[in-house]
Amino acid sequence: MRNLILSTAAIALAAAGASPALAQDSEREERRSAGNGRVNVEPYIEVSQIFVAELSPGDDVVTYTQIATGVDASVNGRNSGGSVSVRYEYNIGYGDDALTSDTLSGVARGYTSIVPQVLTVEAGALAARTRVDGNGGATLNALNGEDTESRIYSAYAGPTLSTHAGDVAVAAQYRIGYTRVETPDAIVTAPGADPLDVFDDSVSQRASINLATRPGEPLPVGVGVGAGWAQEDVSNLDQRVRDVYVRGDVTLPVSPNVALVAGVGYEDVEVSARDAVLDTNGNPVIGDDGRLVTDKSQPRRIAFETDGLIWDVGVVWRPSSRTAFEAHYGRRYDSDTYYGSFAWAPNQRSALNVSVYDTISGFGGLLTNSLANLPTEFSATRNALTGDLGGCVAGSEGSQCLTGALGSVRSSVFRSRGIAANYTTQVGRLSTGLGIGYDNRKFIAPEGTVLDAANGVTDEAYYMSWFLSGDLGSRAGFTTNAYMTLLDSGFDNAGEVLAVGASAAYSRSLTDRLAVRAAIALDHIDSEDALEDLTAASGLVGLRYGF
């Protein structure tokens, strides 16, 4: 019976709103305990000369010098592990209108065992630079400017308990996260519509406890009970998402590798917010930070609430330790719900992960949950020209992308449903990976408030990220990247924004520590809300010194 894909407790975690990847925590713990103590730290400094040529609609050429320092590190031990890629760069422009800027970007995730295989503390963080369009869409690409650039910071931490009381598996978890978006001119306005805030910051929390038995230990079926609580407090207009649930689950084996699962419970979900302060003309007041000012004198208004019975049924299939599949259908949020996952690792060099999700949250809650699902051992992809994060990481547990979570930075709470697929493989000296996905966000806001225009509006995002890298002999290597994001916004006059691009980089070692680098890139943005589309080519030559 141990060949079944998930314990009943893990199924309850996934059904209660956690990502399907969380359902595999116990198996990740087993892999962690087999760590061989590898430590790899690669600090570096870079000096590069970069040019950016606008091909359309204008023909401007910008040249600047970039000085950067960073570190890529990973630890894989018996009781701790993690990975980090962090980079700081300082750009020096030339000419009277040149802008000098600096950027910090990075992604990290790790864990340490307080009590081996029983009590673990995990943490993760993200710092990224994005481009924000007039419809609230955010894209990771090189075409950033003073008026469209956004800085996103996110971090989370919390303990996880996994133990047994006889035949009963006990799993408990608490996680707290913080996310902040920094943008100039933060108000996103659609002509003829009420002004809408760009997300400012939020604190998200999640706690759960589950008790479960495996099929055959001692009953013929696996049984479990669980309870949980989740809350996100968004600073914009005091928006709040609160979710409390309790449920029971049953796992019925139908073969050594297949089981039917079912769960039923009670859930109470509430989304609420306050209105904005209005001036004498009835227009919302904008604060010094460019965001709507919250009217704290008025009571909180309900945007969405539901309580009552929740249920779901599904199938779980695990033919081997390298293949896992689950699919679920049920009722939640007062409507149908679907979720599931598929993980396949045909060998140690390849991995495929697919996830189908359905959740209600704000921008910060979705991003911290995506951070928590990153592998603990990974390599981050970066733009060959700017050094910005590419949105995906690749590791021994498979690849994961944050691109879907970054799809829109509107402040309104939303119901997010979608699918994400990631594949990585290594063939000889070549490594490649592909991430694709679709995200549907239906915004939730109180009627009669300044956010009323957002209530029920749907944004759809499609995204793709690809990389190919490898060695060219013993002293040279190359990296290529390509991306595509398409945001189709349902807001009035917002329309579609398509961002596509590709880059290629070459490096050659002059000594054991010093290497020469060269890179080229082409980026294009096609936006229905802009008067003209933008296409730019860029290039780089520079030196990199590794310590």
Protein backbone atom coordinates (compact mmCIF):
# COMPACT_ATOMS: atom_id res chain seq x y z
CA MET A 1 0.00 0.00 0.00
CA ARG A 2 2.96 2.35 0.42
CA ASN A 3 3.12 2.70 -3.36
CA LEU A 4 0.01 4.90 -3.27
CA ILE A 5 0.87 8.44 -4.25
CA LEU A 6 -0.32 10.40 -1.23
CA SER A 7 -1.36 9.96 2.35
CA THR A 8 -4.87 11.05 3.30
CA ALA A 9 -3.39 13.98 5.23
CA ALA A 10 -1.57 15.23 2.15
CA ILE A 11 -4.75 15.00 0.07
CA ALA A 12 -6.57 17.05 2.69
CA LEU A 13 -3.85 19.72 2.49
CA ALA A 14 -4.23 20.02 -1.27
CA ALA A 15 -8.03 20.04 -1.17
CA ALA A 16 -8.04 22.76 1.47
CA GLY A 17 -6.38 25.27 -0.80
CA ALA A 18 -2.67 24.51 -0.64
CA SER A 19 -0.85 23.93 -3.90
CA PRO A 20 -0.82 20.28 -5.03
CA ALA A 21 2.94 20.39 -4.65
CA LEU A 22 2.50 20.60 -0.89
CA ALA A 23 0.97 17.15 -0.94
CA GLN A 24 4.41 15.72 -1.68
CA ASP A 25 6.13 17.26 1.37
CA SER A 26 6.65 13.89 3.10
CA GLU A 27 8.42 12.51 0.05
CA ARG A 28 10.61 15.60 -0.20
CA GLU A 29 11.62 15.04 3.42
CA GLU A 30 12.77 11.54 2.52
CA ARG A 31 14.91 12.93 -0.29
CA ARG A 32 16.33 15.61 2.01
CA SER A 33 17.46 13.04 4.57
CA ALA A 34 19.60 11.45 1.88
CA GLY A 35 21.60 14.64 1.26
CA ASN A 36 25.31 14.15 0.74
CA GLY A 37 26.56 17.39 2.25
CA ARG A 38 27.34 19.27 -0.97
CA VAL A 39 28.08 22.99 -0.63
CA ASN A 40 28.59 25.14 -3.72
CA VAL A 41 29.18 28.91 -3.52
CA GLU A 42 30.02 30.98 -6.62
CA PRO A 43 30.45 34.73 -5.96
CA TYR A 44 31.32 36.98 -8.91
CA ILE A 45 31.72 40.52 -10.17
CA GLU A 46 30.98 41.77 -13.68
CA VAL A 47 31.79 44.89 -15.68
CA SER A 48 29.91 45.26 -18.95
CA GLN A 49 29.19 47.78 -21.67
CA ILE A 50 25.58 47.62 -22.90
CA PHE A 51 23.75 49.31 -25.73
CA VAL A 52 20.01 49.36 -26.40
CA ALA A 53 18.78 50.38 -29.85
CA GLU A 54 15.11 51.24 -30.30
CA LEU A 55 14.00 49.78 -33.64
CA SER A 56 10.41 51.04 -33.48
CA PRO A 57 8.64 53.39 -33.14
CA GLY A 58 11.79 55.53 -32.78
CA ASP A 59 15.49 55.04 -33.41
CA ASP A 60 17.15 56.11 -30.15
CA VAL A 61 20.32 54.37 -29.01
CA VAL A 62 21.27 54.24 -25.32
CA THR A 63 24.65 53.13 -24.02
CA TYR A 64 25.52 52.48 -20.40
CA THR A 65 28.06 50.72 -18.23
CA GLN A 66 26.91 48.06 -15.83
CA ILE A 67 28.82 47.03 -12.71
CA ALA A 68 27.36 43.99 -10.99
CA THR A 69 28.16 41.65 -8.15
CA GLY A 70 26.34 38.54 -7.07
CA VAL A 71 26.46 35.02 -5.76
CA ASP A 72 24.89 31.71 -6.76
CA ALA A 73 24.96 29.18 -3.96
CA SER A 74 23.42 25.86 -2.97
CA VAL A 75 23.62 23.61 0.08
CA ASN A 76 22.44 20.01 0.14
CA GLY A 77 22.98 18.46 3.55
CA ARG A 78 21.43 15.74 5.63
CA ASN A 79 19.40 18.12 7.79
CA SER A 80 19.44 21.38 5.82
CA GLY A 81 19.53 22.59 2.26
CA GLY A 82 18.64 25.40 -0.06
CA SER A 83 19.61 27.57 -2.99
CA VAL A 84 20.05 31.29 -3.56
CA SER A 85 20.77 33.47 -6.57
CA VAL A 86 21.19 37.15 -5.68
CA ARG A 87 22.61 39.99 -7.78
CA TYR A 88 23.15 43.73 -7.33
CA GLU A 89 23.90 45.92 -10.33
CA TYR A 90 24.68 49.59 -10.82
CA ASN A 91 24.04 51.13 -14.22
CA ILE A 92 25.88 54.29 -15.31
CA GLY A 93 24.30 56.10 -18.27
CA TYR A 94 25.86 58.63 -20.63
CA GLY A 95 24.50 61.91 -21.99
CA ASP A 96 22.42 64.74 -20.56
CA ASP A 97 19.24 62.64 -20.33
CA ALA A 98 20.95 59.49 -19.09
CA LEU A 99 19.57 57.80 -16.01
CA THR A 100 21.74 56.14 -13.40
CA SER A 101 20.04 53.29 -11.57
CA ASP A 102 20.66 50.32 -9.34
CA THR A 103 18.77 47.05 -8.97
CA LEU A 104 18.72 44.18 -6.51
CA SER A 105 17.29 40.91 -7.80
CA GLY A 106 17.30 37.41 -6.44
CA VAL A 107 15.42 34.29 -5.43
CA ALA A 108 16.07 31.94 -2.54
CA ARG A 109 14.48 28.98 -0.82
CA GLY A 110 15.82 26.75 1.91
CA TYR A 111 15.09 24.67 5.00
CA THR A 112 16.75 23.50 8.17
CA SER A 113 15.69 20.66 10.45
CA ILE A 114 15.30 21.58 14.10
CA VAL A 115 14.45 17.95 14.87
CA PRO A 116 15.54 15.73 11.94
CA GLN A 117 12.59 14.38 9.94
CA VAL A 118 10.16 15.83 12.52
CA LEU A 119 10.37 19.62 12.80
CA THR A 120 11.60 21.72 9.90
CA VAL A 121 11.73 25.47 9.30
CA GLU A 122 11.46 26.67 5.69
CA ALA A 123 11.92 30.11 4.18
CA GLY A 124 12.06 31.77 0.80
CA ALA A 125 12.47 35.24 -0.72
CA LEU A 126 12.21 37.06 -4.05
CA ALA A 127 13.36 40.43 -5.37
CA ALA A 128 12.53 41.17 -9.00
CA ARG A 129 12.22 44.02 -11.48
CA THR A 130 9.21 44.00 -13.81
CA ARG A 131 7.48 46.16 -16.37
CA VAL A 132 3.93 47.27 -15.50
CA ASP A 133 1.55 48.04 -18.37
CA GLY A 134 -1.49 50.30 -18.39
CA ASN A 135 -3.83 47.37 -17.75
CA GLY A 136 -2.00 46.28 -14.62
CA GLY A 137 -0.10 43.43 -16.28
CA ALA A 138 3.45 42.72 -15.16
CA THR A 139 6.13 41.12 -17.33
CA LEU A 140 9.73 40.14 -16.66
CA ASN A 141 11.74 41.52 -19.59
CA ALA A 142 14.51 43.97 -20.49
CA LEU A 143 12.28 46.80 -21.71
CA ASN A 144 11.91 48.65 -18.44
CA GLY A 145 11.81 52.40 -18.09
CA GLU A 146 11.40 55.05 -15.43
CA ASP A 147 7.63 55.25 -15.95
CA THR A 148 6.88 51.53 -16.23
CA GLU A 149 9.38 49.86 -13.91
CA SER A 150 8.19 48.04 -10.82
CA ARG A 151 10.12 46.42 -7.99
CA ILE A 152 8.58 43.37 -6.32
CA TYR A 153 9.77 41.99 -2.99
CA SER A 154 8.37 38.90 -1.28
CA ALA A 155 9.42 36.62 1.57
CA TYR A 156 7.92 33.86 3.70
CA ALA A 157 8.95 31.59 6.57
CA GLY A 158 7.42 29.02 8.88
CA PRO A 159 7.75 25.63 10.61
CA THR A 160 6.47 22.26 9.43
CA LEU A 161 5.84 19.34 11.76
CA SER A 162 5.69 15.75 10.52
CA THR A 163 5.51 12.88 13.02
CA HIS A 164 3.52 9.80 14.02
CA ALA A 165 1.43 8.73 16.98
CA GLY A 166 1.22 4.99 16.47
CA ASP A 167 -0.46 4.42 13.10
CA VAL A 168 -1.60 8.04 12.91
CA ALA A 169 0.47 10.48 10.84
CA VAL A 170 0.47 13.98 12.30
CA ALA A 171 1.21 16.92 9.97
CA ALA A 172 1.07 20.58 10.95
CA GLN A 173 2.27 23.74 9.27
CA TYR A 174 2.36 27.49 9.78
CA ARG A 175 3.58 30.05 7.24
CA ILE A 176 3.71 33.84 7.23
CA GLY A 177 4.61 35.90 4.20
CA TYR A 178 5.07 39.53 3.20
CA THR A 179 4.92 41.00 -0.31
CA ARG A 180 5.47 44.56 -1.50
CA VAL A 181 5.23 46.19 -4.94
CA GLU A 182 7.01 49.48 -5.54
CA THR A 183 5.94 51.44 -8.63
CA PRO A 184 6.03 55.09 -9.66
CA ASP A 185 2.63 56.59 -10.56
CA ALA A 186 0.97 53.54 -9.02
CA ILE A 187 -2.58 54.28 -10.13
CA VAL A 188 -3.68 52.27 -13.15
CA THR A 189 -6.49 54.11 -14.95
CA ALA A 190 -8.67 52.86 -17.79
CA PRO A 191 -10.31 55.71 -19.73
CA GLY A 192 -13.89 56.12 -18.61
CA ALA A 193 -13.48 53.80 -15.61
CA ASP A 194 -12.88 54.43 -11.94
CA PRO A 195 -9.23 54.56 -10.88
CA LEU A 196 -7.77 51.25 -9.72
CA ASP A 197 -4.90 50.73 -7.34
CA VAL A 198 -1.77 48.82 -8.10
CA PHE A 199 -1.04 46.38 -5.27
CA ASP A 200 0.96 47.95 -2.43
CA ASP A 201 1.75 45.32 0.21
CA SER A 202 0.16 42.51 2.19
CA VAL A 203 0.75 40.04 4.99
CA SER A 204 -0.47 36.49 4.35
CA GLN A 205 -0.70 33.67 6.88
CA ARG A 206 -1.63 30.00 6.66
CA ALA A 207 -1.91 27.29 9.32
CA SER A 208 -3.14 23.70 9.14
CA ILE A 209 -3.15 20.43 11.05
CA ASN A 210 -4.01 16.96 9.75
CA LEU A 211 -4.26 13.52 11.32
CA ALA A 212 -4.39 10.49 9.01
CA THR A 213 -3.82 6.78 8.69
CA ARG A 214 -2.66 4.85 5.64
CA PRO A 215 -4.84 2.19 4.00
CA GLY A 216 -4.27 -1.08 5.84
CA GLU A 217 -2.82 0.64 8.92
CA PRO A 218 -5.02 -0.41 10.70
CA LEU A 219 -8.24 -0.03 8.66
CA PRO A 220 -8.72 -1.28 5.09
CA VAL A 221 -9.15 2.37 4.05
CA GLY A 222 -7.13 5.42 4.93
CA VAL A 223 -8.96 8.04 7.00
CA GLY A 224 -8.02 11.54 7.94
CA VAL A 225 -9.30 14.69 9.59
CA GLY A 226 -7.90 18.16 9.17
CA ALA A 227 -8.48 21.83 9.90
CA GLY A 228 -6.93 25.01 8.64
CA TRP A 229 -6.98 28.77 8.55
CA ALA A 230 -5.67 31.23 5.97
CA GLN A 231 -5.76 35.02 5.90
CA GLU A 232 -4.27 37.78 3.75
CA ASP A 233 -4.43 41.44 4.77
CA VAL A 234 -3.87 43.77 1.81
CA SER A 235 -3.01 47.39 2.60
CA ASN A 236 -4.96 48.75 -0.39
CA LEU A 237 -8.36 49.75 1.05
CA ASP A 238 -7.87 47.29 3.93
CA GLN A 239 -8.82 44.31 1.77
CA ARG A 240 -8.91 41.00 3.61
CA VAL A 241 -9.30 37.36 2.60
CA ARG A 242 -10.17 34.92 5.39
CA ASP A 243 -10.69 31.16 4.97
CA VAL A 244 -11.43 28.67 7.77
CA TYR A 245 -12.17 25.00 7.17
CA VAL A 246 -12.50 21.56 8.76
CA ARG A 247 -12.81 18.34 6.76
CA GLY A 248 -12.52 14.58 6.74
CA ASP A 249 -11.03 12.38 4.00
CA VAL A 250 -11.10 8.72 2.97
CA THR A 251 -8.63 6.84 0.72
CA LEU A 252 -9.89 3.60 -0.85
CA PRO A 253 -7.24 1.46 -2.62
CA VAL A 254 -8.48 -0.27 -5.77
CA SER A 255 -5.07 -1.69 -6.78
CA PRO A 256 -1.50 -1.48 -5.47
CA ASN A 257 -0.98 1.72 -7.48
CA VAL A 258 -4.44 3.31 -7.70
CA ALA A 259 -6.74 4.72 -5.04
CA LEU A 260 -10.04 6.57 -4.99
CA VAL A 261 -10.22 9.52 -2.60
CA ALA A 262 -13.09 11.59 -1.23
CA GLY A 263 -13.44 14.37 1.27
CA VAL A 264 -16.21 16.38 2.88
CA GLY A 265 -16.18 19.27 5.31
CA TYR A 266 -17.24 22.76 6.25
CA GLU A 267 -15.64 25.99 5.05
CA ASP A 268 -16.22 29.69 5.79
CA VAL A 269 -14.72 32.15 3.28
CA GLU A 270 -15.02 35.93 3.44
CA VAL A 271 -13.54 38.72 1.30
CA SER A 272 -14.02 42.27 2.56
CA ALA A 273 -12.64 45.80 2.14
CA ARG A 274 -13.22 49.46 2.97
CA ASP A 275 -14.03 52.30 0.58
CA ALA A 276 -11.70 55.15 -0.38
CA VAL A 277 -11.88 58.67 1.00
CA LEU A 278 -13.88 60.90 -1.36
CA ASP A 279 -13.36 64.64 -1.93
CA THR A 280 -16.13 67.21 -2.11
CA ASN A 281 -16.77 66.32 -5.74
CA GLY A 282 -17.15 62.63 -4.96
CA ASN A 283 -13.79 61.67 -6.48
CA PRO A 284 -11.45 59.25 -4.65
CA VAL A 285 -8.51 60.87 -2.88
CA ILE A 286 -5.04 59.83 -4.01
CA GLY A 287 -2.27 59.73 -1.39
CA ASP A 288 1.34 60.85 -1.68
CA ASP A 289 2.29 57.29 -2.60
CA GLY A 290 0.00 57.41 -5.66
CA ARG A 291 -2.54 55.02 -4.19
CA LEU A 292 -6.12 55.40 -3.00
CA VAL A 293 -6.54 56.65 0.57
CA THR A 294 -8.57 54.25 2.75
CA ASP A 295 -11.58 55.63 4.60
CA LYS A 296 -11.10 53.98 7.99
CA SER A 297 -14.11 55.79 9.44
CA GLN A 298 -16.47 53.60 7.41
CA PRO A 299 -17.31 49.97 8.26
CA ARG A 300 -15.80 47.10 6.35
CA ARG A 301 -17.88 45.98 3.35
CA ILE A 302 -18.35 42.37 2.26
CA ALA A 303 -17.23 41.59 -1.30
CA PHE A 304 -17.74 37.81 -1.18
CA GLU A 305 -18.82 35.35 1.48
CA THR A 306 -19.84 31.74 1.54
CA ASP A 307 -20.06 29.10 4.24
CA GLY A 308 -21.30 25.56 4.31
CA LEU A 309 -20.57 22.13 2.89
CA ILE A 310 -17.51 21.51 0.75
CA TRP A 311 -16.65 18.20 -0.89
CA ASP A 312 -14.48 16.64 -3.57
CA VAL A 313 -13.76 13.24 -5.09
CA GLY A 314 -10.76 12.10 -7.06
CA VAL A 315 -8.31 9.47 -8.17
CA VAL A 316 -4.68 8.97 -7.19
CA TRP A 317 -2.23 6.94 -9.29
CA ARG A 318 1.37 6.12 -8.50
CA PRO A 319 2.84 3.32 -10.61
CA SER A 320 6.41 4.01 -9.43
CA SER A 321 8.50 6.36 -7.32
CA ARG A 322 9.10 8.45 -10.46
CA THR A 323 5.47 8.95 -11.54
CA ALA A 324 2.62 10.53 -9.59
CA PHE A 325 -0.82 11.69 -10.73
CA GLU A 326 -3.93 12.98 -8.98
CA ALA A 327 -7.16 14.63 -10.18
CA HIS A 328 -10.01 16.03 -8.11
CA TYR A 329 -13.48 17.48 -8.71
CA GLY A 330 -15.83 18.99 -6.14
CA ARG A 331 -17.67 22.02 -4.79
CA ARG A 332 -15.95 24.97 -3.17
CA TYR A 333 -16.36 28.75 -3.14
CA ASP A 334 -20.07 28.07 -3.88
CA SER A 335 -19.18 26.65 -7.34
CA ASP A 336 -17.47 23.73 -9.07
CA THR A 337 -13.77 23.30 -8.43
CA TYR A 338 -11.03 21.29 -10.13
CA TYR A 339 -7.44 20.70 -9.05
CA GLY A 340 -4.70 18.14 -9.50
CA SER A 341 -1.08 17.47 -10.39
CA PHE A 342 1.18 15.23 -12.43
CA ALA A 343 4.87 14.61 -11.73
CA TRP A 344 7.08 12.43 -13.91
CA ALA A 345 10.83 11.91 -13.63
CA PRO A 346 11.80 9.26 -16.20
CA ASN A 347 15.43 9.48 -15.05
CA GLN A 348 17.72 11.60 -12.88
CA ARG A 349 18.26 14.08 -15.74
CA SER A 350 14.63 14.88 -16.65
CA ALA A 351 11.50 15.99 -14.83
CA LEU A 352 7.98 17.07 -15.80
CA ASN A 353 5.56 18.79 -13.41
CA VAL A 354 1.98 19.85 -14.15
CA SER A 355 -0.31 21.59 -11.66
CA VAL A 356 -3.99 22.60 -11.89
CA TYR A 357 -5.10 25.03 -9.18
CA ASP A 358 -8.10 26.97 -7.86
CA THR A 359 -7.78 29.48 -5.02
CA ILE A 360 -8.92 32.87 -3.71
CA SER A 361 -6.18 35.27 -2.63
CA GLY A 362 -4.51 38.59 -3.23
CA PHE A 363 -1.35 39.16 -5.26
CA GLY A 364 0.89 38.65 -2.22
CA GLY A 365 -0.70 35.40 -1.09
CA LEU A 366 -0.39 33.88 -4.54
CA LEU A 367 3.25 34.92 -4.87
CA THR A 368 4.37 33.58 -1.48
CA ASN A 369 2.59 30.29 -2.19
CA SER A 370 4.48 30.06 -5.50
CA LEU A 371 7.75 30.72 -3.67
CA ALA A 372 6.98 27.92 -1.23
CA ASN A 373 6.57 25.49 -4.13
CA LEU A 374 10.02 26.14 -5.61
CA PRO A 375 12.54 23.29 -5.31
CA THR A 376 15.17 23.72 -2.61
CA GLU A 377 17.99 22.88 -5.02
CA PHE A 378 17.84 24.95 -8.20
CA SER A 379 19.56 27.17 -10.74
CA ALA A 380 17.83 30.45 -11.59
CA THR A 381 17.52 31.58 -15.19
CA ARG A 382 18.45 35.22 -15.84
CA ASN A 383 18.23 37.65 -18.73
CA ALA A 384 21.56 37.54 -20.58
CA LEU A 385 21.62 41.36 -20.97
CA THR A 386 20.16 42.86 -17.82
CA GLY A 387 20.76 40.07 -15.33
CA ASP A 388 17.08 40.18 -14.32
CA LEU A 389 15.40 36.98 -13.18
CA GLY A 390 13.79 35.04 -16.02
CA GLY A 391 10.84 33.80 -13.93
CA CYS A 392 11.78 30.10 -13.75
CA VAL A 393 14.20 27.94 -11.81
CA ALA A 394 15.43 24.45 -12.70
CA GLY A 395 16.43 21.82 -10.17
CA SER A 396 16.77 18.12 -9.46
CA GLU A 397 13.13 18.06 -8.28
CA GLY A 398 12.01 19.63 -11.57
CA SER A 399 11.48 23.20 -12.69
CA GLN A 400 9.01 25.76 -11.38
CA CYS A 401 8.03 29.20 -12.68
CA LEU A 402 6.84 32.35 -10.90
CA THR A 403 5.63 33.94 -14.14
CA GLY A 404 1.98 33.05 -13.57
CA ALA A 405 1.95 34.59 -10.09
CA LEU A 406 3.36 37.84 -11.54
CA GLY A 407 0.65 38.11 -14.21
CA SER A 408 -1.15 41.17 -12.81
CA VAL A 409 -0.34 43.61 -10.02
CA ARG A 410 -3.83 45.05 -9.58
CA SER A 411 -4.70 45.43 -5.92
CA SER A 412 -8.09 43.70 -5.97
CA VAL A 413 -8.47 40.24 -4.47
CA PHE A 414 -9.24 37.57 -7.05
CA ARG A 415 -10.15 33.96 -7.64
CA SER A 416 -7.26 32.39 -9.53
CA ARG A 417 -7.71 29.24 -11.64
CA GLY A 418 -5.22 27.87 -14.09
CA ILE A 419 -2.65 25.32 -15.14
CA ALA A 420 1.14 25.39 -15.11
CA ALA A 421 3.53 22.91 -16.74
CA ASN A 422 7.32 22.78 -16.49
CA TYR A 423 9.82 20.42 -18.08
CA THR A 424 13.60 20.23 -17.73
CA THR A 425 16.14 17.79 -19.11
CA GLN A 426 19.88 17.39 -19.46
CA VAL A 427 21.46 15.63 -22.43
CA GLY A 428 25.23 15.39 -22.23
CA ARG A 429 26.55 18.94 -21.82
CA LEU A 430 23.24 20.52 -22.78
CA SER A 431 20.48 21.58 -20.37
CA THR A 432 17.08 22.84 -21.47
CA GLY A 433 13.78 23.71 -19.85
CA LEU A 434 10.32 24.89 -20.86
CA GLY A 435 7.61 26.44 -18.71
CA ILE A 436 4.12 27.21 -20.01
CA GLY A 437 0.90 28.16 -18.28
CA TYR A 438 -2.51 29.79 -18.24
CA ASP A 439 -3.94 31.88 -15.40
CA ASN A 440 -7.52 33.16 -15.09
CA ARG A 441 -8.18 35.83 -12.46
CA LYS A 442 -11.70 36.94 -11.63
CA PHE A 443 -11.51 40.01 -9.40
CA ILE A 444 -13.62 40.37 -6.26
CA ALA A 445 -14.53 43.80 -4.86
CA PRO A 446 -17.37 45.29 -2.77
CA GLU A 447 -20.23 46.86 -4.68
CA GLY A 448 -20.75 50.57 -4.20
CA THR A 449 -17.06 51.29 -3.53
CA VAL A 450 -14.33 52.77 -5.70
CA LEU A 451 -13.28 49.21 -6.61
CA ASP A 452 -16.77 48.32 -7.82
CA ALA A 453 -15.62 48.55 -11.45
CA ALA A 454 -13.24 45.66 -10.83
CA ASN A 455 -15.84 43.30 -9.36
CA GLY A 456 -16.43 40.33 -11.66
CA VAL A 457 -13.87 41.47 -14.26
CA THR A 458 -11.62 38.69 -15.58
CA ASP A 459 -7.99 38.86 -16.69
CA GLU A 460 -6.51 35.97 -18.66
CA ALA A 461 -2.76 35.44 -18.90
CA TYR A 462 -0.79 33.03 -21.09
CA TYR A 463 2.95 32.65 -20.60
CA MET A 464 5.96 30.69 -21.83
CA SER A 465 9.62 30.63 -20.81
CA TRP A 466 12.39 28.54 -22.42
CA PHE A 467 16.12 28.18 -21.93
CA LEU A 468 18.95 26.17 -23.46
CA SER A 469 22.49 26.22 -22.11
CA GLY A 470 25.60 24.13 -22.46
CA ASP A 471 29.37 23.89 -22.66
CA LEU A 472 31.39 24.52 -25.81
CA GLY A 473 34.56 22.70 -25.01
CA SER A 474 36.35 22.93 -21.68
CA ARG A 475 36.59 26.76 -21.50
CA ALA A 476 33.47 28.14 -23.20
CA GLY A 477 29.72 28.00 -22.81
CA PHE A 478 26.48 29.50 -24.06
CA THR A 479 22.98 30.31 -22.80
CA THR A 480 19.85 31.13 -24.77
CA ASN A 481 16.48 32.29 -23.43
CA ALA A 482 13.08 33.08 -24.89
CA TYR A 483 9.86 34.29 -23.29
CA MET A 484 6.28 35.19 -24.15
CA THR A 485 3.49 36.66 -22.03
CA LEU A 486 0.02 37.60 -23.23
CA LEU A 487 -2.40 39.36 -20.88
CA ASP A 488 -5.97 39.75 -22.11
CA SER A 489 -7.63 42.13 -19.68
CA GLY A 490 -11.37 42.41 -19.21
CA PHE A 491 -11.15 45.99 -17.96
CA ASP A 492 -12.61 48.68 -20.21
CA ASN A 493 -10.23 49.78 -22.97
CA ALA A 494 -7.34 47.78 -21.46
CA GLY A 495 -7.13 45.18 -24.24
CA GLU A 496 -4.24 42.81 -24.78
CA VAL A 497 -0.54 43.21 -24.05
CA LEU A 498 1.89 40.83 -25.77
CA ALA A 499 5.53 40.73 -24.69
CA VAL A 500 7.99 38.48 -26.53
CA GLY A 501 11.74 38.29 -26.62
CA ALA A 502 14.85 36.19 -26.93
CA SER A 503 18.49 36.45 -25.92
CA ALA A 504 21.74 34.57 -26.44
CA ALA A 505 24.98 34.80 -24.48
CA TYR A 506 28.50 33.41 -24.95
CA SER A 507 31.30 33.25 -22.40
CA ARG A 508 34.90 32.10 -22.65
CA SER A 509 37.39 31.66 -19.83
CA LEU A 510 40.63 33.60 -20.17
CA THR A 511 41.95 32.21 -16.88
CA ASP A 512 40.54 29.94 -14.21
CA ARG A 513 38.63 32.91 -12.74
CA LEU A 514 38.33 35.53 -15.50
CA ALA A 515 35.96 35.18 -18.45
CA VAL A 516 34.91 37.40 -21.34
CA ARG A 517 31.17 37.66 -22.11
CA ALA A 518 29.05 38.72 -25.07
CA ALA A 519 25.28 38.74 -25.49
CA ILE A 520 22.52 39.96 -27.79
CA ALA A 521 18.75 40.26 -27.29
CA LEU A 522 15.61 41.28 -29.14
CA ASP A 523 12.42 42.34 -27.28
CA HIS A 524 8.99 43.44 -28.49
CA ILE A 525 5.90 44.75 -26.72
CA ASP A 526 2.56 45.00 -28.52
CA SER A 527 -0.02 46.83 -26.40
CA GLU A 528 -3.54 47.79 -27.43
CA ASP A 529 -3.64 50.61 -24.90
CA ALA A 530 -0.44 52.23 -26.23
CA LEU A 531 -0.28 54.47 -29.29
CA GLU A 532 2.69 52.60 -30.74
CA ASP A 533 4.34 49.25 -30.16
CA LEU A 534 7.92 48.99 -28.97
CA THR A 535 10.76 46.91 -30.40
CA ALA A 536 14.35 47.08 -29.19
CA ALA A 537 17.62 45.27 -29.79
CA SER A 538 20.41 45.20 -27.24
CA GLY A 539 23.94 43.92 -26.93
CA LEU A 540 26.62 43.43 -24.29
CA VAL A 541 30.36 42.87 -24.02
CA GLY A 542 32.07 42.51 -20.68
CA LEU A 543 34.24 40.64 -18.21
CA ARG A 544 33.27 38.38 -15.33
CA TYR A 545 35.54 37.45 -12.43
CA GLY A 546 34.59 34.52 -10.21
CA PHE A 547 36.02 34.13 -6.72
